[in-house]
Amino acid sequence: MELNLNTPYGARTFFINKFPVCTGYFIEHNYKKFLSSDNDDFKEKFLFEVLSFAKVIDKGKQETSLSTKVLIDGHLGTWKNVATVFEAVLKFNDIHPEIAENQKEYWASVGEKLAVSFVANTTKLLEPFMQTTKET
């Protein structure tokens, strides 16, 4: 698949490739971890792994995989372009970031409702105990 982007260095065409089967399995599995991780090293490594499946044709007509920070910065130029290519690689490989984001929001909402319910029910359960403490 081809993806055309305007970068600070001019218009560029990126070629998005399919993941090998086992790699795709692990990337899909790790994408969920990527979304919720606070580990910057893991997130950066995962970003580089996904972006390595995007290639650009440089001026010498050589295909270059976006596999290092220097190559990513040098060919994409903006964080928005990084996000665009990252999401394009995932979508081309049937991993849909918008669905995973919605699931993350759903589970955050579930967690919030669970916490509210827990506090309300715990308060009800402790009410008799609190009454006896007031009486003594």
N, C-alpha and C. Protein backbone atom coordinates (compact mmCIF):
# COMPACT_ATOMS: atom_id res chain seq x y z
N MET A 1 0.85 -1.17 0.00
CA MET A 1 0.00 0.00 0.00
C MET A 1 0.90 1.24 0.00
N GLU A 2 0.50 2.24 -0.74
CA GLU A 2 1.23 3.49 -0.78
C GLU A 2 0.52 4.55 0.07
N LEU A 3 1.32 5.37 0.73
CA LEU A 3 0.81 6.47 1.54
C LEU A 3 1.61 7.71 1.19
N ASN A 4 0.93 8.73 0.68
CA ASN A 4 1.59 9.98 0.32
C ASN A 4 1.40 10.99 1.44
N LEU A 5 2.51 11.60 1.87
CA LEU A 5 2.47 12.58 2.95
C LEU A 5 3.29 13.81 2.58
N ASN A 6 2.82 14.95 3.04
CA ASN A 6 3.63 16.16 2.96
C ASN A 6 4.44 16.23 4.24
N THR A 7 5.73 16.33 4.08
CA THR A 7 6.62 16.42 5.24
C THR A 7 7.35 17.76 5.17
N PRO A 8 8.05 18.13 6.22
CA PRO A 8 8.84 19.36 6.16
C PRO A 8 9.93 19.31 5.07
N TYR A 9 10.19 18.09 4.58
CA TYR A 9 11.23 17.90 3.57
C TYR A 9 10.64 17.74 2.18
N GLY A 10 9.34 17.97 2.05
CA GLY A 10 8.66 17.83 0.76
C GLY A 10 7.73 16.62 0.77
N ALA A 11 7.07 16.42 -0.35
CA ALA A 11 6.15 15.28 -0.47
C ALA A 11 6.95 13.98 -0.50
N ARG A 12 6.45 13.01 0.24
CA ARG A 12 7.11 11.69 0.28
C ARG A 12 6.06 10.60 0.11
N THR A 13 6.48 9.52 -0.53
CA THR A 13 5.63 8.34 -0.66
C THR A 13 6.22 7.24 0.21
N PHE A 14 5.35 6.69 1.05
CA PHE A 14 5.74 5.60 1.94
C PHE A 14 5.04 4.33 1.49
N PHE A 15 5.73 3.22 1.56
CA PHE A 15 5.17 1.93 1.19
C PHE A 15 4.94 1.14 2.47
N ILE A 16 3.69 0.76 2.68
CA ILE A 16 3.31 0.02 3.89
C ILE A 16 3.29 -1.46 3.54
N ASN A 17 3.95 -2.25 4.37
CA ASN A 17 4.05 -3.69 4.12
C ASN A 17 3.25 -4.50 5.14
N LYS A 18 2.91 -5.72 4.75
CA LYS A 18 2.22 -6.65 5.63
C LYS A 18 3.20 -7.26 6.63
N PHE A 19 2.69 -7.52 7.83
CA PHE A 19 3.48 -8.22 8.84
C PHE A 19 3.56 -9.70 8.46
N PRO A 20 4.68 -10.35 8.75
CA PRO A 20 4.67 -11.81 8.70
C PRO A 20 3.66 -12.31 9.74
N VAL A 21 3.12 -13.48 9.55
CA VAL A 21 2.02 -13.98 10.38
C VAL A 21 2.33 -13.93 11.88
N CYS A 22 3.40 -14.52 12.30
CA CYS A 22 3.72 -14.56 13.74
C CYS A 22 4.03 -13.17 14.27
N THR A 23 4.71 -12.37 13.50
CA THR A 23 5.00 -10.99 13.91
C THR A 23 3.70 -10.23 14.10
N GLY A 24 2.78 -10.39 13.18
CA GLY A 24 1.48 -9.73 13.28
C GLY A 24 0.73 -10.13 14.53
N TYR A 25 0.80 -11.40 14.86
CA TYR A 25 0.13 -11.89 16.08
C TYR A 25 0.69 -11.17 17.30
N PHE A 26 2.02 -11.10 17.40
CA PHE A 26 2.64 -10.47 18.56
C PHE A 26 2.42 -8.95 18.57
N ILE A 27 2.43 -8.34 17.41
CA ILE A 27 2.18 -6.89 17.36
C ILE A 27 0.75 -6.61 17.81
N GLU A 28 -0.20 -7.37 17.34
CA GLU A 28 -1.59 -7.16 17.74
C GLU A 28 -1.73 -7.34 19.25
N HIS A 29 -1.11 -8.37 19.78
CA HIS A 29 -1.16 -8.63 21.23
C HIS A 29 -0.49 -7.49 22.01
N ASN A 30 0.66 -7.05 21.55
CA ASN A 30 1.41 -6.00 22.25
C ASN A 30 0.80 -4.61 22.07
N TYR A 31 -0.03 -4.43 21.06
CA TYR A 31 -0.65 -3.13 20.86
C TYR A 31 -1.53 -2.75 22.06
N LYS A 32 -2.22 -3.73 22.60
CA LYS A 32 -3.05 -3.48 23.78
C LYS A 32 -2.18 -3.05 24.96
N LYS A 33 -1.02 -3.68 25.11
CA LYS A 33 -0.09 -3.29 26.16
C LYS A 33 0.46 -1.89 25.90
N PHE A 34 0.74 -1.61 24.63
CA PHE A 34 1.26 -0.30 24.22
C PHE A 34 0.33 0.82 24.66
N LEU A 35 -0.96 0.61 24.49
CA LEU A 35 -1.95 1.64 24.82
C LEU A 35 -1.99 1.96 26.31
N SER A 36 -1.76 0.95 27.14
CA SER A 36 -1.90 1.17 28.57
C SER A 36 -0.57 1.27 29.32
N SER A 37 0.53 1.12 28.61
CA SER A 37 1.83 1.09 29.27
C SER A 37 2.31 2.49 29.66
N ASP A 38 3.02 2.54 30.79
CA ASP A 38 3.71 3.76 31.21
C ASP A 38 5.21 3.64 30.94
N ASN A 39 5.62 2.51 30.37
CA ASN A 39 7.03 2.24 30.12
C ASN A 39 7.44 2.85 28.78
N ASP A 40 8.15 3.97 28.84
CA ASP A 40 8.53 4.69 27.62
C ASP A 40 9.44 3.86 26.71
N ASP A 41 10.33 3.06 27.31
CA ASP A 41 11.22 2.23 26.50
C ASP A 41 10.42 1.20 25.70
N PHE A 42 9.45 0.56 26.35
CA PHE A 42 8.59 -0.41 25.66
C PHE A 42 7.82 0.28 24.53
N LYS A 43 7.25 1.45 24.83
CA LYS A 43 6.45 2.16 23.83
C LYS A 43 7.30 2.58 22.63
N GLU A 44 8.51 3.05 22.89
CA GLU A 44 9.40 3.45 21.80
C GLU A 44 9.81 2.25 20.95
N LYS A 45 10.16 1.15 21.61
CA LYS A 45 10.55 -0.06 20.88
C LYS A 45 9.39 -0.56 20.02
N PHE A 46 8.19 -0.53 20.58
CA PHE A 46 7.01 -0.97 19.83
C PHE A 46 6.76 -0.05 18.63
N LEU A 47 6.86 1.26 18.84
CA LEU A 47 6.69 2.22 17.75
C LEU A 47 7.67 1.93 16.63
N PHE A 48 8.94 1.72 16.97
CA PHE A 48 9.95 1.44 15.96
C PHE A 48 9.66 0.13 15.23
N GLU A 49 9.20 -0.87 15.97
CA GLU A 49 8.89 -2.16 15.33
C GLU A 49 7.78 -2.00 14.30
N VAL A 50 6.71 -1.28 14.67
CA VAL A 50 5.60 -1.07 13.74
C VAL A 50 6.05 -0.23 12.55
N LEU A 51 6.75 0.87 12.81
CA LEU A 51 7.17 1.75 11.72
C LEU A 51 8.18 1.09 10.78
N SER A 52 8.86 0.05 11.25
CA SER A 52 9.83 -0.63 10.37
C SER A 52 9.14 -1.31 9.19
N PHE A 53 7.82 -1.43 9.25
CA PHE A 53 7.07 -2.01 8.12
C PHE A 53 6.63 -0.94 7.13
N ALA A 54 7.11 0.28 7.33
CA ALA A 54 6.91 1.36 6.36
C ALA A 54 8.27 1.67 5.75
N LYS A 55 8.28 1.82 4.43
CA LYS A 55 9.54 2.13 3.74
C LYS A 55 9.33 3.38 2.90
N VAL A 56 10.42 4.07 2.67
CA VAL A 56 10.40 5.26 1.83
C VAL A 56 11.49 5.07 0.77
N ILE A 57 11.23 5.60 -0.41
CA ILE A 57 12.26 5.58 -1.46
C ILE A 57 13.05 6.87 -1.32
N ASP A 58 14.33 6.75 -1.03
CA ASP A 58 15.13 7.97 -0.88
C ASP A 58 15.61 8.46 -2.25
N LYS A 59 16.34 9.55 -2.23
CA LYS A 59 16.77 10.20 -3.49
C LYS A 59 17.60 9.28 -4.38
N GLY A 60 18.29 8.34 -3.77
CA GLY A 60 19.10 7.40 -4.55
C GLY A 60 18.31 6.21 -5.04
N LYS A 61 16.99 6.29 -4.94
CA LYS A 61 16.07 5.22 -5.38
C LYS A 61 16.22 3.96 -4.55
N GLN A 62 16.72 4.10 -3.32
CA GLN A 62 16.88 2.96 -2.44
C GLN A 62 15.75 2.95 -1.42
N GLU A 63 15.18 1.76 -1.18
CA GLU A 63 14.13 1.63 -0.16
C GLU A 63 14.78 1.68 1.21
N THR A 64 14.21 2.50 2.08
CA THR A 64 14.72 2.61 3.44
C THR A 64 13.57 2.36 4.41
N SER A 65 13.77 1.41 5.29
CA SER A 65 12.78 1.08 6.31
C SER A 65 12.88 2.09 7.44
N LEU A 66 11.74 2.52 7.96
CA LEU A 66 11.72 3.49 9.07
C LEU A 66 11.93 2.74 10.38
N SER A 67 13.16 2.37 10.66
CA SER A 67 13.42 1.49 11.78
C SER A 67 14.24 2.12 12.91
N THR A 68 14.69 3.35 12.74
CA THR A 68 15.44 4.01 13.80
C THR A 68 14.90 5.43 14.00
N LYS A 69 15.24 6.00 15.13
CA LYS A 69 14.80 7.36 15.44
C LYS A 69 15.31 8.36 14.39
N VAL A 70 16.55 8.21 13.98
CA VAL A 70 17.15 9.11 12.99
C VAL A 70 16.40 9.02 11.66
N LEU A 71 16.10 7.80 11.22
CA LEU A 71 15.37 7.62 9.95
C LEU A 71 13.94 8.15 10.05
N ILE A 72 13.30 7.90 11.18
CA ILE A 72 11.92 8.35 11.37
C ILE A 72 11.89 9.89 11.37
N ASP A 73 12.77 10.50 12.16
CA ASP A 73 12.82 11.96 12.20
C ASP A 73 13.18 12.54 10.84
N GLY A 74 14.12 11.91 10.17
CA GLY A 74 14.62 12.42 8.89
C GLY A 74 13.66 12.29 7.73
N HIS A 75 12.73 11.35 7.81
CA HIS A 75 11.79 11.16 6.70
C HIS A 75 10.39 11.65 7.01
N LEU A 76 9.98 11.61 8.26
CA LEU A 76 8.61 12.01 8.61
C LEU A 76 8.53 13.46 9.09
N GLY A 77 9.48 13.88 9.87
CA GLY A 77 9.59 15.28 10.23
C GLY A 77 8.65 15.84 11.28
N THR A 78 7.46 15.27 11.48
CA THR A 78 6.54 15.77 12.50
C THR A 78 5.92 14.59 13.25
N TRP A 79 5.52 14.86 14.47
CA TRP A 79 4.88 13.79 15.25
C TRP A 79 3.55 13.38 14.61
N LYS A 80 2.87 14.31 13.95
CA LYS A 80 1.61 13.96 13.29
C LYS A 80 1.85 12.98 12.15
N ASN A 81 2.94 13.16 11.41
CA ASN A 81 3.27 12.21 10.36
C ASN A 81 3.64 10.85 10.94
N VAL A 82 4.33 10.86 12.08
CA VAL A 82 4.66 9.59 12.76
C VAL A 82 3.36 8.86 13.10
N ALA A 83 2.41 9.59 13.69
CA ALA A 83 1.13 8.98 14.07
C ALA A 83 0.38 8.48 12.85
N THR A 84 0.40 9.23 11.75
CA THR A 84 -0.30 8.84 10.53
C THR A 84 0.26 7.54 9.97
N VAL A 85 1.58 7.45 9.88
CA VAL A 85 2.20 6.24 9.34
C VAL A 85 2.01 5.06 10.29
N PHE A 86 2.18 5.29 11.57
CA PHE A 86 1.98 4.24 12.58
C PHE A 86 0.58 3.64 12.44
N GLU A 87 -0.44 4.50 12.40
CA GLU A 87 -1.82 4.02 12.28
C GLU A 87 -2.06 3.35 10.93
N ALA A 88 -1.45 3.86 9.86
CA ALA A 88 -1.62 3.25 8.54
C ALA A 88 -1.05 1.83 8.51
N VAL A 89 0.12 1.65 9.14
CA VAL A 89 0.73 0.31 9.19
C VAL A 89 -0.19 -0.64 9.96
N LEU A 90 -0.70 -0.20 11.10
CA LEU A 90 -1.59 -1.05 11.89
C LEU A 90 -2.85 -1.40 11.11
N LYS A 91 -3.50 -0.40 10.53
CA LYS A 91 -4.75 -0.64 9.79
C LYS A 91 -4.54 -1.55 8.59
N PHE A 92 -3.43 -1.35 7.87
CA PHE A 92 -3.14 -2.19 6.71
C PHE A 92 -2.97 -3.65 7.12
N ASN A 93 -2.61 -3.85 8.37
CA ASN A 93 -2.42 -5.20 8.90
C ASN A 93 -3.58 -5.64 9.79
N ASP A 94 -4.74 -5.03 9.57
CA ASP A 94 -6.00 -5.39 10.25
C ASP A 94 -5.97 -5.22 11.77
N ILE A 95 -5.21 -4.25 12.23
CA ILE A 95 -5.24 -3.85 13.64
C ILE A 95 -5.81 -2.44 13.62
N HIS A 96 -6.94 -2.25 14.25
CA HIS A 96 -7.65 -0.99 14.12
C HIS A 96 -7.52 -0.16 15.39
N PRO A 97 -6.65 0.86 15.36
CA PRO A 97 -6.41 1.68 16.56
C PRO A 97 -7.66 2.30 17.15
N GLU A 98 -8.59 2.72 16.31
CA GLU A 98 -9.80 3.38 16.84
C GLU A 98 -10.64 2.42 17.66
N ILE A 99 -10.67 1.16 17.31
CA ILE A 99 -11.42 0.17 18.08
C ILE A 99 -10.74 -0.05 19.44
N ALA A 100 -9.43 -0.18 19.42
CA ALA A 100 -8.69 -0.38 20.67
C ALA A 100 -8.84 0.83 21.59
N GLU A 101 -8.82 2.03 21.03
CA GLU A 101 -9.00 3.24 21.84
C GLU A 101 -10.39 3.25 22.47
N ASN A 102 -11.40 2.85 21.69
CA ASN A 102 -12.76 2.80 22.23
C ASN A 102 -12.86 1.78 23.35
N GLN A 103 -12.17 0.64 23.20
CA GLN A 103 -12.18 -0.38 24.25
C GLN A 103 -11.52 0.16 25.51
N LYS A 104 -10.45 0.91 25.34
CA LYS A 104 -9.75 1.50 26.48
C LYS A 104 -10.69 2.45 27.23
N GLU A 105 -11.42 3.28 26.49
CA GLU A 105 -12.37 4.21 27.11
C GLU A 105 -13.51 3.44 27.79
N TYR A 106 -13.95 2.37 27.14
CA TYR A 106 -15.02 1.56 27.72
C TYR A 106 -14.59 0.99 29.07
N TRP A 107 -13.39 0.40 29.12
CA TRP A 107 -12.93 -0.21 30.36
C TRP A 107 -12.64 0.84 31.43
N ALA A 108 -12.21 2.02 31.02
CA ALA A 108 -12.03 3.10 32.00
C ALA A 108 -13.38 3.48 32.60
N SER A 109 -14.41 3.50 31.76
CA SER A 109 -15.76 3.81 32.23
C SER A 109 -16.27 2.71 33.17
N VAL A 110 -16.02 1.47 32.82
CA VAL A 110 -16.41 0.34 33.66
C VAL A 110 -15.72 0.45 35.02
N GLY A 111 -14.43 0.76 35.00
CA GLY A 111 -13.68 0.90 36.25
C GLY A 111 -14.26 2.00 37.13
N GLU A 112 -14.62 3.11 36.51
CA GLU A 112 -15.20 4.23 37.26
C GLU A 112 -16.53 3.82 37.90
N LYS A 113 -17.38 3.16 37.11
CA LYS A 113 -18.68 2.72 37.63
C LYS A 113 -18.51 1.69 38.75
N LEU A 114 -17.54 0.81 38.58
CA LEU A 114 -17.27 -0.19 39.60
C LEU A 114 -16.81 0.46 40.91
N ALA A 115 -15.95 1.46 40.79
CA ALA A 115 -15.47 2.16 41.99
C ALA A 115 -16.61 2.88 42.71
N VAL A 116 -17.47 3.56 41.97
CA VAL A 116 -18.61 4.26 42.57
C VAL A 116 -19.53 3.27 43.27
N SER A 117 -19.81 2.15 42.59
CA SER A 117 -20.67 1.12 43.16
C SER A 117 -20.05 0.52 44.43
N PHE A 118 -18.75 0.28 44.39
CA PHE A 118 -18.05 -0.28 45.55
C PHE A 118 -18.17 0.65 46.76
N VAL A 119 -17.92 1.92 46.54
CA VAL A 119 -17.99 2.88 47.64
C VAL A 119 -19.41 2.95 48.20
N ALA A 120 -20.40 3.01 47.32
CA ALA A 120 -21.80 3.09 47.77
C ALA A 120 -22.19 1.85 48.56
N ASN A 121 -21.85 0.67 48.06
CA ASN A 121 -22.22 -0.56 48.75
C ASN A 121 -21.43 -0.75 50.04
N THR A 122 -20.19 -0.36 50.05
CA THR A 122 -19.39 -0.47 51.27
C THR A 122 -19.96 0.46 52.34
N THR A 123 -20.37 1.64 51.94
CA THR A 123 -20.97 2.59 52.88
C THR A 123 -22.24 2.00 53.48
N LYS A 124 -23.08 1.37 52.63
CA LYS A 124 -24.30 0.74 53.13
C LYS A 124 -23.97 -0.38 54.12
N LEU A 125 -22.98 -1.19 53.79
CA LEU A 125 -22.61 -2.30 54.66
C LEU A 125 -22.05 -1.81 56.00
N LEU A 126 -21.35 -0.70 55.97
CA LEU A 126 -20.73 -0.20 57.20
C LEU A 126 -21.67 0.67 58.03
N GLU A 127 -22.83 1.03 57.49
CA GLU A 127 -23.77 1.90 58.18
C GLU A 127 -24.14 1.39 59.58
N PRO A 128 -24.50 0.10 59.74
CA PRO A 128 -24.84 -0.39 61.09
C PRO A 128 -23.65 -0.25 62.05
N PHE A 129 -22.48 -0.54 61.58
CA PHE A 129 -21.28 -0.41 62.42
C PHE A 129 -21.06 1.04 62.83
N MET A 130 -21.26 1.94 61.88
CA MET A 130 -21.08 3.37 62.16
C MET A 130 -22.12 3.85 63.18
N GLN A 131 -23.34 3.31 63.12
CA GLN A 131 -24.39 3.68 64.07
C GLN A 131 -24.01 3.24 65.48
N THR A 132 -23.46 2.02 65.60
CA THR A 132 -23.09 1.52 66.94
C THR A 132 -21.92 2.32 67.51
N THR A 133 -21.04 2.80 66.64
CA THR A 133 -19.91 3.60 67.12
C THR A 133 -20.39 4.95 67.61
N LYS A 134 -21.40 5.52 66.98
CA LYS A 134 -21.94 6.80 67.39
C LYS A 134 -22.62 6.68 68.76
N GLU A 135 -23.25 5.53 69.00
CA GLU A 135 -23.99 5.32 70.25
C GLU A 135 -23.04 5.11 71.43
N THR A 136 -21.84 4.67 71.18
CA THR A 136 -20.93 4.41 72.31
C THR A 136 -20.03 5.55 72.62
